[in-house]
C-alpha atoms as a PDB file:
ATOM      1  CA  GLN A   1      13.510   3.629 -15.295  1.00  0.00           C
ATOM      2  CA  VAL A   2      10.269   3.407 -13.339  1.00  0.00           C
ATOM      3  CA  GLN A   3      10.694   2.740  -9.648  1.00  0.00           C
ATOM      4  CA  LEU A   4       8.417   2.472  -6.645  1.00  0.00           C
ATOM      5  CA  VAL A   5      10.257   2.681  -3.342  1.00  0.00           C
ATOM      6  CA  GLU A   6       8.550   1.971  -0.036  1.00  0.00           C
ATOM      7  CA  SER A   7       9.709   3.327   3.297  1.00  0.00           C
ATOM      8  CA  GLY A   8       8.474   3.733   6.843  1.00  0.00           C
ATOM      9  CA  GLY A   9       8.167   0.121   7.889  1.00  0.00           C
ATOM     10  CA  GLY A  10       9.422  -1.047  11.239  1.00  0.00           C
ATOM     11  CA  SER A  11       8.507  -2.729  14.486  1.00  0.00           C
ATOM     12  CA  VAL A  12       5.683  -1.650  16.735  1.00  0.00           C
ATOM     13  CA  GLN A  13       3.655  -3.100  19.575  1.00  0.00           C
ATOM     14  CA  ALA A  14       0.066  -4.144  19.121  1.00  0.00           C
ATOM     15  CA  GLY A  15      -2.248  -1.159  19.242  1.00  0.00           C
ATOM     16  CA  GLY A  16       0.394   1.152  17.808  1.00  0.00           C
ATOM     17  CA  SER A  17       0.584   3.024  14.519  1.00  0.00           C
ATOM     18  CA  LEU A  18       2.855   3.212  11.515  1.00  0.00           C
ATOM     19  CA  ARG A  19       2.775   5.126   8.272  1.00  0.00           C
ATOM     20  CA  VAL A  20       4.363   3.578   5.215  1.00  0.00           C
ATOM     21  CA  SER A  21       5.143   5.630   2.145  1.00  0.00           C
ATOM     22  CA  CYS A  22       5.772   4.842  -1.490  1.00  0.00           C
ATOM     23  CA  ALA A  23       7.657   7.230  -3.744  1.00  0.00           C
ATOM     24  CA  ALA A  24       7.445   6.833  -7.481  1.00  0.00           C
ATOM     25  CA  SER A  25      10.092   7.938  -9.939  1.00  0.00           C
ATOM     26  CA  GLY A  26      10.674   7.630 -13.647  1.00  0.00           C
ATOM     27  CA  ARG A  27       7.130   8.595 -14.585  1.00  0.00           C
ATOM     28  CA  THR A  28       4.010  10.077 -13.073  1.00  0.00           C
ATOM     29  CA  PHE A  29       1.110   7.917 -11.939  1.00  0.00           C
ATOM     30  CA  SER A  30      -1.357  10.764 -11.521  1.00  0.00           C
ATOM     31  CA  ARG A  31      -3.810   9.028 -13.888  1.00  0.00           C
ATOM     32  CA  ASN A  32      -3.339   5.559 -12.386  1.00  0.00           C
ATOM     33  CA  ALA A  33      -4.850   3.897  -9.375  1.00  0.00           C
ATOM     34  CA  MET A  34      -2.391   2.926  -6.654  1.00  0.00           C
ATOM     35  CA  ALA A  35      -2.612   0.108  -4.154  1.00  0.00           C
ATOM     36  CA  TRP A  36      -1.011  -1.606  -1.204  1.00  0.00           C
ATOM     37  CA  PHE A  37      -0.602  -5.361  -0.866  1.00  0.00           C
ATOM     38  CA  ARG A  38       1.094  -7.405   1.815  1.00  0.00           C
ATOM     39  CA  GLN A  39       2.630 -10.821   2.182  1.00  0.00           C
ATOM     40  CA  ALA A  40       3.181 -12.633   5.445  1.00  0.00           C
ATOM     41  CA  PRO A  41       5.639 -15.545   5.780  1.00  0.00           C
ATOM     42  CA  GLY A  42       4.196 -18.706   4.266  1.00  0.00           C
ATOM     43  CA  LYS A  43       1.165 -16.896   2.879  1.00  0.00           C
ATOM     44  CA  GLU A  44       0.137 -15.536  -0.495  1.00  0.00           C
ATOM     45  CA  ARG A  45       0.277 -11.849  -1.272  1.00  0.00           C
ATOM     46  CA  GLU A  46      -3.026 -10.209  -0.341  1.00  0.00           C
ATOM     47  CA  PHE A  47      -4.756  -6.973  -1.128  1.00  0.00           C
ATOM     48  CA  VAL A  48      -4.773  -4.297   1.573  1.00  0.00           C
ATOM     49  CA  ALA A  49      -6.063  -1.030   0.078  1.00  0.00           C
ATOM     50  CA  SER A  50      -6.332   0.910  -3.140  1.00  0.00           C
ATOM     51  CA  VAL A  51      -6.987   4.516  -4.123  1.00  0.00           C
ATOM     52  CA  SER A  52      -8.364   5.742  -7.427  1.00  0.00           C
ATOM     53  CA  TRP A  53      -6.434   8.052  -9.728  1.00  0.00           C
ATOM     54  CA  ASN A  54      -7.955  11.192  -8.239  1.00  0.00           C
ATOM     55  CA  GLY A  55      -8.130   9.958  -4.654  1.00  0.00           C
ATOM     56  CA  GLY A  56     -11.902  10.042  -4.737  1.00  0.00           C
ATOM     57  CA  VAL A  57     -12.476   6.343  -4.221  1.00  0.00           C
ATOM     58  CA  THR A  58     -10.743   4.049  -1.751  1.00  0.00           C
ATOM     59  CA  VAL A  59     -11.207   0.328  -1.225  1.00  0.00           C
ATOM     60  CA  TYR A  60     -10.032  -1.714   1.745  1.00  0.00           C
ATOM     61  CA  ALA A  61      -9.709  -5.338   2.691  1.00  0.00           C
ATOM     62  CA  ASP A  62     -12.198  -6.280   5.393  1.00  0.00           C
ATOM     63  CA  SER A  63      -9.351  -7.083   7.765  1.00  0.00           C
ATOM     64  CA  VAL A  64      -8.019  -3.508   7.736  1.00  0.00           C
ATOM     65  CA  ARG A  65     -11.103  -1.395   7.147  1.00  0.00           C
ATOM     66  CA  ASP A  66     -11.576   1.295   9.820  1.00  0.00           C
ATOM     67  CA  ARG A  67      -7.942   0.888  10.926  1.00  0.00           C
ATOM     68  CA  PHE A  68      -5.945   1.724   7.784  1.00  0.00           C
ATOM     69  CA  THR A  69      -6.170   4.776   5.528  1.00  0.00           C
ATOM     70  CA  VAL A  70      -4.724   5.007   2.014  1.00  0.00           C
ATOM     71  CA  SER A  71      -3.986   8.378   0.446  1.00  0.00           C
ATOM     72  CA  ARG A  72      -1.975   9.878  -2.378  1.00  0.00           C
ATOM     73  CA  ASP A  73      -0.106  13.068  -3.160  1.00  0.00           C
ATOM     74  CA  ASP A  74       0.356  13.498  -6.891  1.00  0.00           C
ATOM     75  CA  VAL A  75       2.531  16.565  -6.452  1.00  0.00           C
ATOM     76  CA  LYS A  76       5.024  14.345  -4.657  1.00  0.00           C
ATOM     77  CA  ASN A  77       4.185  11.330  -6.839  1.00  0.00           C
ATOM     78  CA  ALA A  78       3.621   9.319  -3.672  1.00  0.00           C
ATOM     79  CA  VAL A  79       1.082   7.100  -1.961  1.00  0.00           C
ATOM     80  CA  TYR A  80       0.737   6.453   1.756  1.00  0.00           C
ATOM     81  CA  LEU A  81      -0.781   3.902   4.093  1.00  0.00           C
ATOM     82  CA  GLN A  82      -1.581   5.060   7.605  1.00  0.00           C
ATOM     83  CA  MET A  83      -1.959   2.026   9.851  1.00  0.00           C
ATOM     84  CA  ASN A  84      -3.593   2.399  13.264  1.00  0.00           C
ATOM     85  CA  SER A  85      -4.578  -0.112  15.933  1.00  0.00           C
ATOM     86  CA  LEU A  86      -2.054  -2.545  14.525  1.00  0.00           C
ATOM     87  CA  LYS A  87      -2.402  -6.230  15.323  1.00  0.00           C
ATOM     88  CA  PRO A  88       0.172  -9.040  15.239  1.00  0.00           C
ATOM     89  CA  GLU A  89      -1.631 -10.476  12.221  1.00  0.00           C
ATOM     90  CA  ASP A  90      -0.746  -7.296  10.306  1.00  0.00           C
ATOM     91  CA  THR A  91       2.885  -8.433  10.335  1.00  0.00           C
ATOM     92  CA  ALA A  92       4.013  -8.724   6.705  1.00  0.00           C
ATOM     93  CA  VAL A  93       6.059  -7.173   3.954  1.00  0.00           C
ATOM     94  CA  TYR A  94       4.029  -4.321   2.507  1.00  0.00           C
ATOM     95  CA  TYR A  95       4.223  -3.560  -1.209  1.00  0.00           C
ATOM     96  CA  CYS A  96       2.920  -0.600  -3.140  1.00  0.00           C
ATOM     97  CA  ALA A  97       1.761  -1.003  -6.703  1.00  0.00           C
ATOM     98  CA  ALA A  98       0.642   1.182  -9.603  1.00  0.00           C
ATOM     99  CA  ALA A  99      -2.127   0.194 -11.982  1.00  0.00           C
ATOM    100  CA  ARG A 100      -1.070  -0.869 -15.457  1.00  0.00           C
ATOM    101  CA  LEU A 101      -3.470   1.526 -17.200  1.00  0.00           C
ATOM    102  CA  PRO A 102      -5.628   4.542 -16.356  1.00  0.00           C
ATOM    103  CA  GLY A 103      -9.097   3.377 -15.396  1.00  0.00           C
ATOM    104  CA  VAL A 104      -7.878   0.075 -14.002  1.00  0.00           C
ATOM    105  CA  PHE A 105      -8.658  -0.239 -10.317  1.00  0.00           C
ATOM    106  CA  GLY A 106      -9.464  -2.757  -7.624  1.00  0.00           C
ATOM    107  CA  LYS A 107      -8.222  -5.678  -5.566  1.00  0.00           C
ATOM    108  CA  ASN A 108      -6.807  -7.915  -8.281  1.00  0.00           C
ATOM    109  CA  PRO A 109      -2.980  -7.860  -8.297  1.00  0.00           C
ATOM    110  CA  ASN A 110      -3.075  -8.492 -12.042  1.00  0.00           C
ATOM    111  CA  ASN A 111      -4.413  -4.939 -12.403  1.00  0.00           C
ATOM    112  CA  TYR A 112      -1.028  -3.596 -11.305  1.00  0.00           C
ATOM    113  CA  SER A 113       2.129  -3.610 -13.381  1.00  0.00           C
ATOM    114  CA  TYR A 114       4.552  -1.648 -11.255  1.00  0.00           C
ATOM    115  CA  TRP A 115       5.657  -2.898  -7.840  1.00  0.00           C
ATOM    116  CA  GLY A 116       7.989  -1.732  -5.137  1.00  0.00           C
ATOM    117  CA  GLN A 117      10.482  -3.924  -3.334  1.00  0.00           C
ATOM    118  CA  GLY A 118       8.503  -3.956  -0.107  1.00  0.00           C
ATOM    119  CA  THR A 119       8.956  -2.761   3.442  1.00  0.00           C
ATOM    120  CA  GLN A 120       8.723  -4.959   6.539  1.00  0.00           C
ATOM    121  CA  VAL A 121       6.107  -4.229   9.192  1.00  0.00           C
ATOM    122  CA  THR A 122       6.331  -6.249  12.389  1.00  0.00           C
ATOM    123  CA  VAL A 123       3.715  -6.014  15.132  1.00  0.00           C
ATOM    124  CA  SER A 124       4.465  -7.656  18.440  1.00  0.00           C
ATOM    125  CA  SER A 125       1.900  -8.680  21.017  1.00  0.00           C
END
């Protein structure tokens, strides 16, 4: 059974940092792009960041660029999101996702077939 499990969420004050992790099990995603999305209460799920299969290309939403960093460790079958200079508007449930096929990449959630259950990030002002 394929599973993506996020961890590392929590509560932090504005300006602080958090690192969320996503551990995959059941299969390897070393040939698949990985991504992070988030969903705030009352809002649609939105793209945050993605990393290509080899880590060579990263893409960020404008709202998080220069504050967040996405990375992957294929030995550990994991992907990470380092979040710095957090703002209250970053408050959301953060989901990791794995692309449905090698070569598929980008901001569209339809590109991703495997999803974690999410981890809550709360930023207070």
